[in-house]
Amino acid sequence: MEIIETKLKGVVVLKPKVFADARGYFFESYNYNLFKQAGLDLNFVQDNQSLSQKGVLRGLHFQNNPHAQGKLVRVITGAVFDVAVDIRKNSPTYGQWFGLELSEENKWMMYIPEGFAHGFATLRDNTVFSYKCTNFYNKASEDCILWNDEQLAIDWNIENPLLSEKDMQGKLFKDFVSLF
C-alpha cells in the first residue's frame, strides 16, 4: 500500500495494491500492521456507510473532544469529491483544505485525523461511501462548518447540491471557534 502525505499534516492518501484478473479484484482496505508501520497506529471502533445520489453534498462535519474522530474514508461504489479542512487553531495550515476524487475505480482512501472537518460531494448516483472511525459518534459533540463558506473557498465543482438541514445551517468559518 502506498501512503502519500498531503499539504495538511496528518491527512494522508492511501493507494492500495490491487490484484485484478478476469474474475475481478482483491485488495486490503485495512491492515493494522501496515498502518502502524506508516505511523498510523489507530484503533477503529465504529464503521459507517452511506448511500447518496449524484449531487448530494455532506459536510463539513466533525466532532469536538472528548469525542473527536479520525476517519478512514473510501468509496465502495460510485465516486465522490472528498474534502478535509484543517480546524486545528495552532496549525500552520489552519483553514486550508485538501480534496481529491475517491472512486470505485481508483480504490483510494483518505485518512482524516481528529482536528479536521470533513465533507464530500457525490459525483455519481448510488454512491456507497464507507468510513472507519477512531471514536464513537456523540450527537452532543457534533458540529458543522458551512460547506460553501467564502473564506474556505472550496471548489466543490457542484451547483445546487442536495443538502441536509444541518448542512444548510453550518457555521461560517469566520464565526467558528475551534476547540482543537
N, C-alpha and C. Protein backbone atom coordinates (compact mmCIF):
# COMPACT_ATOMS: atom_id res chain seq x y z
N MET A 1 0.85 -1.18 0.00
CA MET A 1 0.00 0.00 0.00
C MET A 1 0.89 1.24 0.00
N GLU A 2 0.58 2.14 -0.90
CA GLU A 2 1.32 3.40 -0.96
C GLU A 2 0.59 4.43 -0.10
N ILE A 3 1.34 5.10 0.79
CA ILE A 3 0.76 6.11 1.67
C ILE A 3 1.42 7.45 1.33
N ILE A 4 0.58 8.42 0.95
CA ILE A 4 1.07 9.70 0.45
C ILE A 4 0.63 10.82 1.39
N GLU A 5 1.59 11.59 1.88
CA GLU A 5 1.28 12.74 2.73
C GLU A 5 0.70 13.86 1.87
N THR A 6 -0.17 14.66 2.46
CA THR A 6 -0.77 15.80 1.77
C THR A 6 -0.20 17.08 2.37
N LYS A 7 -0.66 18.22 1.87
CA LYS A 7 -0.21 19.52 2.40
C LYS A 7 -0.72 19.75 3.82
N LEU A 8 -1.70 18.98 4.27
CA LEU A 8 -2.25 19.09 5.62
C LEU A 8 -1.66 17.99 6.48
N LYS A 9 -0.81 18.36 7.44
CA LYS A 9 -0.13 17.37 8.26
C LYS A 9 -1.14 16.45 8.95
N GLY A 10 -0.97 15.16 8.73
CA GLY A 10 -1.85 14.15 9.32
C GLY A 10 -2.85 13.57 8.34
N VAL A 11 -3.22 14.34 7.32
CA VAL A 11 -4.13 13.84 6.30
C VAL A 11 -3.29 13.11 5.26
N VAL A 12 -3.62 11.85 5.04
CA VAL A 12 -2.86 11.04 4.07
C VAL A 12 -3.80 10.36 3.09
N VAL A 13 -3.27 10.14 1.89
CA VAL A 13 -3.97 9.38 0.86
C VAL A 13 -3.35 7.99 0.84
N LEU A 14 -4.20 6.99 0.78
CA LEU A 14 -3.73 5.61 0.77
C LEU A 14 -4.14 4.96 -0.55
N LYS A 15 -3.16 4.44 -1.26
CA LYS A 15 -3.42 3.78 -2.53
C LYS A 15 -3.10 2.29 -2.36
N PRO A 16 -4.11 1.46 -2.25
CA PRO A 16 -3.87 0.04 -2.03
C PRO A 16 -3.31 -0.65 -3.27
N LYS A 17 -2.62 -1.73 -3.04
CA LYS A 17 -2.16 -2.57 -4.14
C LYS A 17 -3.35 -3.46 -4.53
N VAL A 18 -3.80 -3.31 -5.76
CA VAL A 18 -4.98 -4.03 -6.24
C VAL A 18 -4.53 -5.19 -7.12
N PHE A 19 -5.04 -6.36 -6.83
CA PHE A 19 -4.76 -7.55 -7.62
C PHE A 19 -6.01 -7.86 -8.43
N ALA A 20 -5.91 -7.65 -9.75
CA ALA A 20 -7.07 -7.82 -10.63
C ALA A 20 -6.78 -8.88 -11.68
N ASP A 21 -7.82 -9.62 -12.03
CA ASP A 21 -7.74 -10.57 -13.13
C ASP A 21 -9.14 -10.73 -13.72
N ALA A 22 -9.34 -11.73 -14.54
CA ALA A 22 -10.63 -11.94 -15.21
C ALA A 22 -11.78 -12.16 -14.23
N ARG A 23 -11.48 -12.59 -13.03
CA ARG A 23 -12.52 -12.85 -12.03
C ARG A 23 -13.01 -11.59 -11.33
N GLY A 24 -12.15 -10.56 -11.32
CA GLY A 24 -12.46 -9.33 -10.58
C GLY A 24 -11.20 -8.79 -9.94
N TYR A 25 -11.29 -8.38 -8.67
CA TYR A 25 -10.12 -7.82 -7.99
C TYR A 25 -10.14 -8.16 -6.52
N PHE A 26 -8.99 -7.96 -5.87
CA PHE A 26 -8.83 -8.11 -4.43
C PHE A 26 -7.85 -7.05 -3.96
N PHE A 27 -8.12 -6.47 -2.80
CA PHE A 27 -7.14 -5.59 -2.15
C PHE A 27 -7.44 -5.52 -0.67
N GLU A 28 -6.40 -5.20 0.11
CA GLU A 28 -6.57 -4.97 1.54
C GLU A 28 -6.95 -3.52 1.73
N SER A 29 -8.12 -3.28 2.32
CA SER A 29 -8.53 -1.91 2.59
C SER A 29 -8.03 -1.44 3.96
N TYR A 30 -7.65 -2.37 4.80
CA TYR A 30 -7.09 -2.02 6.10
C TYR A 30 -6.23 -3.17 6.58
N ASN A 31 -5.05 -2.83 7.07
CA ASN A 31 -4.14 -3.81 7.65
C ASN A 31 -3.44 -3.10 8.81
N TYR A 32 -3.76 -3.50 10.02
CA TYR A 32 -3.23 -2.83 11.21
C TYR A 32 -1.71 -2.70 11.16
N ASN A 33 -1.00 -3.77 10.82
CA ASN A 33 0.46 -3.74 10.82
C ASN A 33 1.01 -2.75 9.79
N LEU A 34 0.46 -2.74 8.58
CA LEU A 34 0.92 -1.79 7.56
C LEU A 34 0.66 -0.35 7.99
N PHE A 35 -0.52 -0.11 8.55
CA PHE A 35 -0.84 1.24 9.00
C PHE A 35 0.10 1.66 10.12
N LYS A 36 0.35 0.77 11.07
CA LYS A 36 1.22 1.08 12.20
C LYS A 36 2.63 1.39 11.72
N GLN A 37 3.15 0.61 10.77
CA GLN A 37 4.48 0.86 10.21
C GLN A 37 4.57 2.23 9.56
N ALA A 38 3.43 2.72 9.05
CA ALA A 38 3.39 4.03 8.38
C ALA A 38 3.10 5.16 9.37
N GLY A 39 3.06 4.84 10.67
CA GLY A 39 2.82 5.87 11.68
C GLY A 39 1.36 6.11 11.97
N LEU A 40 0.50 5.23 11.47
CA LEU A 40 -0.94 5.35 11.71
C LEU A 40 -1.38 4.26 12.68
N ASP A 41 -1.00 4.43 13.94
CA ASP A 41 -1.34 3.46 14.98
C ASP A 41 -2.73 3.81 15.50
N LEU A 42 -3.73 3.29 14.83
CA LEU A 42 -5.11 3.70 15.06
C LEU A 42 -5.95 2.56 15.63
N ASN A 43 -6.93 2.94 16.42
CA ASN A 43 -7.87 1.98 16.95
C ASN A 43 -9.26 2.36 16.44
N PHE A 44 -9.73 1.67 15.42
CA PHE A 44 -11.05 1.96 14.88
C PHE A 44 -12.11 1.25 15.71
N VAL A 45 -13.18 2.00 16.05
CA VAL A 45 -14.21 1.46 16.93
C VAL A 45 -15.60 1.46 16.30
N GLN A 46 -15.73 2.10 15.14
CA GLN A 46 -17.06 2.21 14.52
C GLN A 46 -16.88 2.31 13.01
N ASP A 47 -17.69 1.57 12.27
CA ASP A 47 -17.74 1.67 10.81
C ASP A 47 -19.08 2.27 10.41
N ASN A 48 -19.05 3.19 9.44
CA ASN A 48 -20.27 3.83 8.93
C ASN A 48 -20.30 3.68 7.42
N GLN A 49 -21.50 3.69 6.86
CA GLN A 49 -21.67 3.62 5.42
C GLN A 49 -22.88 4.45 5.03
N SER A 50 -22.76 5.16 3.90
CA SER A 50 -23.89 5.94 3.41
C SER A 50 -24.09 5.66 1.92
N LEU A 51 -25.33 5.85 1.49
CA LEU A 51 -25.70 5.78 0.08
C LEU A 51 -26.19 7.15 -0.32
N SER A 52 -25.66 7.69 -1.41
CA SER A 52 -26.06 9.02 -1.87
C SER A 52 -26.21 9.02 -3.38
N GLN A 53 -27.10 9.88 -3.85
CA GLN A 53 -27.28 10.07 -5.28
C GLN A 53 -26.37 11.19 -5.75
N LYS A 54 -26.18 11.30 -7.05
CA LYS A 54 -25.35 12.36 -7.63
C LYS A 54 -25.90 13.72 -7.20
N GLY A 55 -24.99 14.61 -6.80
CA GLY A 55 -25.38 15.95 -6.41
C GLY A 55 -25.61 16.14 -4.93
N VAL A 56 -25.48 15.09 -4.14
CA VAL A 56 -25.60 15.22 -2.68
C VAL A 56 -24.27 15.72 -2.14
N LEU A 57 -24.34 16.65 -1.20
CA LEU A 57 -23.14 17.12 -0.51
C LEU A 57 -23.37 16.94 0.98
N ARG A 58 -22.43 16.28 1.63
CA ARG A 58 -22.50 16.05 3.07
C ARG A 58 -21.27 16.71 3.71
N GLY A 59 -21.51 17.61 4.67
CA GLY A 59 -20.38 18.23 5.34
C GLY A 59 -20.54 19.74 5.45
N LEU A 60 -19.63 20.29 6.09
CA LEU A 60 -18.35 19.86 6.62
C LEU A 60 -18.53 19.48 8.10
N HIS A 61 -18.40 18.23 8.42
CA HIS A 61 -18.72 17.70 9.75
C HIS A 61 -17.47 17.38 10.55
N PHE A 62 -17.63 17.43 11.88
CA PHE A 62 -16.60 16.98 12.82
C PHE A 62 -17.24 16.84 14.18
N GLN A 63 -16.52 16.18 15.08
CA GLN A 63 -16.93 16.07 16.47
C GLN A 63 -15.83 16.68 17.34
N ASN A 64 -16.25 17.43 18.35
CA ASN A 64 -15.31 18.03 19.29
C ASN A 64 -14.89 17.02 20.34
N ASN A 65 -13.78 17.32 21.02
CA ASN A 65 -13.32 16.50 22.13
C ASN A 65 -14.35 16.50 23.25
N PRO A 66 -14.50 15.47 24.01
CA PRO A 66 -13.65 14.28 24.02
C PRO A 66 -14.10 13.19 23.03
N HIS A 67 -14.96 13.53 22.10
CA HIS A 67 -15.49 12.55 21.16
C HIS A 67 -14.99 12.76 19.73
N ALA A 68 -13.88 13.50 19.59
CA ALA A 68 -13.33 13.76 18.25
C ALA A 68 -13.01 12.43 17.56
N GLN A 69 -13.14 12.43 16.23
CA GLN A 69 -12.94 11.21 15.47
C GLN A 69 -11.89 11.39 14.37
N GLY A 70 -11.04 10.41 14.21
CA GLY A 70 -10.27 10.24 13.00
C GLY A 70 -11.10 9.35 12.09
N LYS A 71 -10.99 9.55 10.77
CA LYS A 71 -11.80 8.78 9.83
C LYS A 71 -10.94 8.27 8.68
N LEU A 72 -11.09 7.00 8.37
CA LEU A 72 -10.51 6.40 7.17
C LEU A 72 -11.67 6.23 6.20
N VAL A 73 -11.65 7.01 5.11
CA VAL A 73 -12.80 7.06 4.21
C VAL A 73 -12.46 6.45 2.85
N ARG A 74 -13.49 5.86 2.22
CA ARG A 74 -13.32 5.30 0.88
C ARG A 74 -14.67 5.12 0.22
N VAL A 75 -14.65 4.94 -1.08
CA VAL A 75 -15.85 4.71 -1.87
C VAL A 75 -15.88 3.23 -2.25
N ILE A 76 -17.02 2.61 -2.04
CA ILE A 76 -17.19 1.21 -2.45
C ILE A 76 -17.75 1.15 -3.88
N THR A 77 -18.78 1.96 -4.13
CA THR A 77 -19.40 2.05 -5.46
C THR A 77 -19.63 3.53 -5.76
N GLY A 78 -19.30 3.96 -6.98
CA GLY A 78 -19.53 5.34 -7.38
C GLY A 78 -18.30 6.19 -7.22
N ALA A 79 -18.51 7.49 -6.93
CA ALA A 79 -17.39 8.42 -6.80
C ALA A 79 -17.81 9.64 -6.01
N VAL A 80 -16.85 10.22 -5.28
CA VAL A 80 -17.06 11.46 -4.54
C VAL A 80 -15.86 12.37 -4.71
N PHE A 81 -16.09 13.67 -4.48
CA PHE A 81 -15.01 14.60 -4.26
C PHE A 81 -14.95 14.77 -2.75
N ASP A 82 -13.86 14.32 -2.14
CA ASP A 82 -13.73 14.25 -0.68
C ASP A 82 -12.82 15.37 -0.19
N VAL A 83 -13.22 16.04 0.91
CA VAL A 83 -12.51 17.23 1.39
C VAL A 83 -12.25 17.14 2.89
N ALA A 84 -11.03 17.54 3.29
CA ALA A 84 -10.67 17.72 4.69
C ALA A 84 -10.26 19.18 4.88
N VAL A 85 -10.72 19.79 5.97
CA VAL A 85 -10.37 21.17 6.31
C VAL A 85 -9.69 21.18 7.67
N ASP A 86 -8.52 21.79 7.74
CA ASP A 86 -7.76 21.87 8.99
C ASP A 86 -8.42 22.87 9.93
N ILE A 87 -8.88 22.40 11.09
CA ILE A 87 -9.50 23.28 12.09
C ILE A 87 -8.70 23.29 13.41
N ARG A 88 -7.41 22.94 13.30
CA ARG A 88 -6.53 22.98 14.47
C ARG A 88 -5.96 24.40 14.56
N LYS A 89 -6.42 25.17 15.54
CA LYS A 89 -6.13 26.61 15.58
C LYS A 89 -4.64 26.96 15.62
N ASN A 90 -3.78 26.10 16.11
CA ASN A 90 -2.34 26.40 16.16
C ASN A 90 -1.58 25.78 14.99
N SER A 91 -2.30 25.25 14.03
CA SER A 91 -1.66 24.62 12.87
C SER A 91 -1.28 25.67 11.83
N PRO A 92 -0.12 25.51 11.17
CA PRO A 92 0.24 26.45 10.10
C PRO A 92 -0.69 26.36 8.89
N THR A 93 -1.48 25.29 8.80
CA THR A 93 -2.42 25.16 7.68
C THR A 93 -3.88 25.33 8.14
N TYR A 94 -4.06 25.99 9.29
CA TYR A 94 -5.42 26.24 9.80
C TYR A 94 -6.26 26.93 8.71
N GLY A 95 -7.45 26.41 8.48
CA GLY A 95 -8.36 27.00 7.50
C GLY A 95 -8.08 26.59 6.06
N GLN A 96 -7.07 25.77 5.84
CA GLN A 96 -6.79 25.28 4.50
C GLN A 96 -7.47 23.94 4.28
N TRP A 97 -7.72 23.62 3.02
CA TRP A 97 -8.40 22.37 2.70
C TRP A 97 -7.61 21.57 1.67
N PHE A 98 -7.90 20.28 1.66
CA PHE A 98 -7.35 19.36 0.68
C PHE A 98 -8.50 18.50 0.20
N GLY A 99 -8.56 18.29 -1.10
CA GLY A 99 -9.61 17.44 -1.66
C GLY A 99 -9.10 16.61 -2.81
N LEU A 100 -9.75 15.46 -3.01
CA LEU A 100 -9.44 14.61 -4.15
C LEU A 100 -10.62 13.70 -4.43
N GLU A 101 -10.62 13.13 -5.63
CA GLU A 101 -11.68 12.20 -6.01
C GLU A 101 -11.35 10.81 -5.51
N LEU A 102 -12.31 10.23 -4.81
CA LEU A 102 -12.24 8.83 -4.41
C LEU A 102 -13.30 8.11 -5.23
N SER A 103 -12.95 6.97 -5.80
CA SER A 103 -13.91 6.27 -6.65
C SER A 103 -13.76 4.76 -6.54
N GLU A 104 -14.76 4.07 -7.05
CA GLU A 104 -14.68 2.62 -7.08
C GLU A 104 -13.56 2.16 -8.01
N GLU A 105 -13.20 2.98 -9.01
CA GLU A 105 -12.13 2.60 -9.92
C GLU A 105 -10.75 2.77 -9.30
N ASN A 106 -10.48 3.93 -8.67
CA ASN A 106 -9.13 4.13 -8.15
C ASN A 106 -8.91 3.45 -6.79
N LYS A 107 -9.99 3.18 -6.06
CA LYS A 107 -9.93 2.47 -4.77
C LYS A 107 -9.07 3.16 -3.73
N TRP A 108 -8.79 4.45 -3.94
CA TRP A 108 -8.00 5.21 -2.99
C TRP A 108 -8.82 5.45 -1.72
N MET A 109 -8.10 5.71 -0.65
CA MET A 109 -8.69 6.03 0.63
C MET A 109 -8.01 7.29 1.15
N MET A 110 -8.65 7.95 2.10
CA MET A 110 -8.03 9.10 2.74
C MET A 110 -8.23 8.96 4.24
N TYR A 111 -7.15 9.20 5.00
CA TYR A 111 -7.28 9.24 6.45
C TYR A 111 -7.32 10.70 6.88
N ILE A 112 -8.35 11.04 7.65
CA ILE A 112 -8.56 12.39 8.15
C ILE A 112 -8.53 12.32 9.68
N PRO A 113 -7.48 12.85 10.30
CA PRO A 113 -7.37 12.74 11.76
C PRO A 113 -8.28 13.70 12.51
N GLU A 114 -8.30 13.55 13.80
CA GLU A 114 -9.01 14.49 14.67
C GLU A 114 -8.49 15.89 14.38
N GLY A 115 -9.37 16.89 14.49
CA GLY A 115 -8.96 18.27 14.26
C GLY A 115 -9.19 18.72 12.83
N PHE A 116 -9.96 17.95 12.10
CA PHE A 116 -10.31 18.30 10.72
C PHE A 116 -11.81 18.17 10.52
N ALA A 117 -12.37 19.10 9.77
CA ALA A 117 -13.75 18.97 9.30
C ALA A 117 -13.71 18.16 8.01
N HIS A 118 -14.76 17.43 7.74
CA HIS A 118 -14.79 16.53 6.58
C HIS A 118 -16.11 16.65 5.84
N GLY A 119 -16.02 16.55 4.53
CA GLY A 119 -17.23 16.53 3.72
C GLY A 119 -16.96 15.90 2.37
N PHE A 120 -18.04 15.57 1.66
CA PHE A 120 -17.88 15.04 0.31
C PHE A 120 -19.09 15.38 -0.54
N ALA A 121 -18.82 15.53 -1.84
CA ALA A 121 -19.86 15.75 -2.84
C ALA A 121 -19.91 14.50 -3.71
N THR A 122 -21.12 13.98 -3.90
CA THR A 122 -21.29 12.75 -4.66
C THR A 122 -21.31 13.06 -6.15
N LEU A 123 -20.50 12.32 -6.91
CA LEU A 123 -20.33 12.56 -8.33
C LEU A 123 -21.17 11.62 -9.21
N ARG A 124 -21.70 10.55 -8.60
CA ARG A 124 -22.49 9.57 -9.36
C ARG A 124 -23.66 9.08 -8.51
N ASP A 125 -24.71 8.65 -9.19
CA ASP A 125 -25.84 8.04 -8.50
C ASP A 125 -25.40 6.76 -7.81
N ASN A 126 -26.11 6.43 -6.74
CA ASN A 126 -25.92 5.19 -5.99
C ASN A 126 -24.49 5.01 -5.49
N THR A 127 -23.90 6.10 -5.03
CA THR A 127 -22.55 6.04 -4.47
C THR A 127 -22.61 5.53 -3.03
N VAL A 128 -21.82 4.51 -2.75
CA VAL A 128 -21.72 3.96 -1.40
C VAL A 128 -20.38 4.41 -0.83
N PHE A 129 -20.47 5.15 0.27
CA PHE A 129 -19.31 5.76 0.94
C PHE A 129 -19.13 5.07 2.28
N SER A 130 -17.90 4.70 2.61
CA SER A 130 -17.64 3.96 3.84
C SER A 130 -16.55 4.65 4.63
N TYR A 131 -16.70 4.65 5.97
CA TYR A 131 -15.63 5.20 6.79
C TYR A 131 -15.54 4.50 8.13
N LYS A 132 -14.27 4.29 8.52
CA LYS A 132 -13.93 3.72 9.81
C LYS A 132 -13.60 4.89 10.73
N CYS A 133 -14.08 4.84 11.95
CA CYS A 133 -13.90 5.95 12.90
C CYS A 133 -13.12 5.50 14.13
N THR A 134 -12.31 6.42 14.66
CA THR A 134 -11.49 6.13 15.84
C THR A 134 -12.22 6.42 17.15
N ASN A 135 -13.44 6.95 17.06
CA ASN A 135 -14.23 7.21 18.26
C ASN A 135 -15.70 7.03 17.90
N PHE A 136 -16.51 6.82 18.90
CA PHE A 136 -17.94 6.62 18.68
C PHE A 136 -18.63 7.96 18.43
N TYR A 137 -19.67 7.91 17.63
CA TYR A 137 -20.48 9.11 17.37
C TYR A 137 -21.11 9.59 18.66
N ASN A 138 -21.11 10.91 18.85
CA ASN A 138 -21.76 11.52 20.00
C ASN A 138 -22.46 12.79 19.53
N LYS A 139 -23.78 12.78 19.52
CA LYS A 139 -24.56 13.89 18.97
C LYS A 139 -24.22 15.23 19.63
N ALA A 140 -24.00 15.23 20.94
CA ALA A 140 -23.72 16.47 21.65
C ALA A 140 -22.37 17.08 21.25
N SER A 141 -21.48 16.29 20.66
CA SER A 141 -20.15 16.77 20.27
C SER A 141 -20.05 17.14 18.79
N GLU A 142 -21.10 16.86 18.01
CA GLU A 142 -21.00 17.12 16.57
C GLU A 142 -21.13 18.61 16.28
N ASP A 143 -20.49 19.01 15.17
CA ASP A 143 -20.55 20.39 14.73
C ASP A 143 -20.41 20.41 13.22
N CYS A 144 -20.67 21.57 12.62
CA CYS A 144 -20.68 21.67 11.17
C CYS A 144 -20.28 23.08 10.74
N ILE A 145 -19.38 23.14 9.77
CA ILE A 145 -18.99 24.40 9.13
C ILE A 145 -19.68 24.44 7.78
N LEU A 146 -20.15 25.62 7.39
CA LEU A 146 -20.88 25.77 6.14
C LEU A 146 -20.04 25.30 4.95
N TRP A 147 -20.63 24.44 4.17
CA TRP A 147 -19.93 23.79 3.05
C TRP A 147 -19.41 24.78 2.01
N ASN A 148 -20.13 25.89 1.80
CA ASN A 148 -19.74 26.85 0.76
C ASN A 148 -19.21 28.15 1.35
N ASP A 149 -18.57 28.07 2.50
CA ASP A 149 -18.01 29.25 3.16
C ASP A 149 -17.04 29.96 2.22
N GLU A 150 -17.23 31.27 2.07
CA GLU A 150 -16.40 32.06 1.15
C GLU A 150 -14.94 32.10 1.58
N GLN A 151 -14.68 32.14 2.88
CA GLN A 151 -13.30 32.20 3.37
C GLN A 151 -12.56 30.90 3.04
N LEU A 152 -13.22 29.77 3.17
CA LEU A 152 -12.57 28.49 2.84
C LEU A 152 -12.40 28.33 1.33
N ALA A 153 -13.37 28.80 0.57
CA ALA A 153 -13.32 28.79 -0.91
C ALA A 153 -13.03 27.40 -1.48
N ILE A 154 -13.77 26.41 -1.00
CA ILE A 154 -13.61 25.05 -1.52
C ILE A 154 -14.26 24.97 -2.89
N ASP A 155 -13.51 24.46 -3.85
CA ASP A 155 -14.02 24.28 -5.20
C ASP A 155 -14.66 22.90 -5.31
N TRP A 156 -15.93 22.82 -4.93
CA TRP A 156 -16.66 21.56 -4.95
C TRP A 156 -17.01 21.12 -6.38
N ASN A 157 -17.01 22.07 -7.30
CA ASN A 157 -17.40 21.79 -8.69
C ASN A 157 -18.80 21.16 -8.76
N ILE A 158 -19.72 21.76 -7.99
CA ILE A 158 -21.10 21.29 -7.95
C ILE A 158 -22.00 22.50 -7.76
N GLU A 159 -23.07 22.56 -8.51
CA GLU A 159 -24.05 23.64 -8.36
C GLU A 159 -25.32 23.08 -7.75
N ASN A 160 -25.90 23.83 -6.83
CA ASN A 160 -27.16 23.45 -6.20
C ASN A 160 -27.17 22.03 -5.63
N PRO A 161 -26.24 21.74 -4.72
CA PRO A 161 -26.22 20.39 -4.15
C PRO A 161 -27.44 20.13 -3.28
N LEU A 162 -27.75 18.87 -3.13
CA LEU A 162 -28.80 18.44 -2.21
C LEU A 162 -28.16 18.34 -0.83
N LEU A 163 -28.70 19.13 0.13
CA LEU A 163 -28.11 19.25 1.47
C LEU A 163 -29.11 18.88 2.55
N SER A 164 -28.60 18.43 3.68
CA SER A 164 -29.45 18.23 4.85
C SER A 164 -29.71 19.60 5.50
N GLU A 165 -30.70 19.65 6.35
CA GLU A 165 -30.99 20.88 7.10
C GLU A 165 -29.77 21.30 7.93
N LYS A 166 -29.12 20.32 8.55
CA LYS A 166 -27.93 20.60 9.37
C LYS A 166 -26.83 21.24 8.53
N ASP A 167 -26.62 20.73 7.32
CA ASP A 167 -25.55 21.25 6.47
C ASP A 167 -25.88 22.64 5.93
N MET A 168 -27.14 22.94 5.74
CA MET A 168 -27.53 24.27 5.30
C MET A 168 -27.30 25.31 6.38
N GLN A 169 -27.26 24.88 7.63
CA GLN A 169 -27.13 25.80 8.75
C GLN A 169 -25.74 25.74 9.40
N GLY A 170 -24.74 25.25 8.67
CA GLY A 170 -23.39 25.19 9.19
C GLY A 170 -22.87 26.58 9.55
N LYS A 171 -21.87 26.62 10.40
CA LYS A 171 -21.28 27.90 10.85
C LYS A 171 -20.37 28.48 9.77
N LEU A 172 -20.34 29.81 9.71
CA LEU A 172 -19.35 30.48 8.88
C LEU A 172 -17.99 30.30 9.54
N PHE A 173 -16.95 30.12 8.72
CA PHE A 173 -15.62 29.88 9.27
C PHE A 173 -15.15 31.06 10.12
N LYS A 174 -15.47 32.29 9.71
CA LYS A 174 -15.04 33.48 10.47
C LYS A 174 -15.68 33.54 11.85
N ASP A 175 -16.85 32.91 12.03
CA ASP A 175 -17.55 32.89 13.30
C ASP A 175 -17.25 31.63 14.12
N PHE A 176 -16.56 30.71 13.52
CA PHE A 176 -16.26 29.42 14.13
C PHE A 176 -15.14 29.57 15.14
N VAL A 177 -15.34 28.99 16.33
CA VAL A 177 -14.30 28.98 17.37
C VAL A 177 -13.85 27.53 17.56
N SER A 178 -12.63 27.26 17.11
CA SER A 178 -12.12 25.90 17.16
C SER A 178 -11.78 25.49 18.59
N LEU A 179 -12.14 24.26 18.94
CA LEU A 179 -11.79 23.70 20.24
C LEU A 179 -10.57 22.78 20.10
N PHE A 180 -9.96 22.76 18.93
CA PHE A 180 -8.78 21.92 18.69
C PHE A 180 -7.51 22.75 18.79
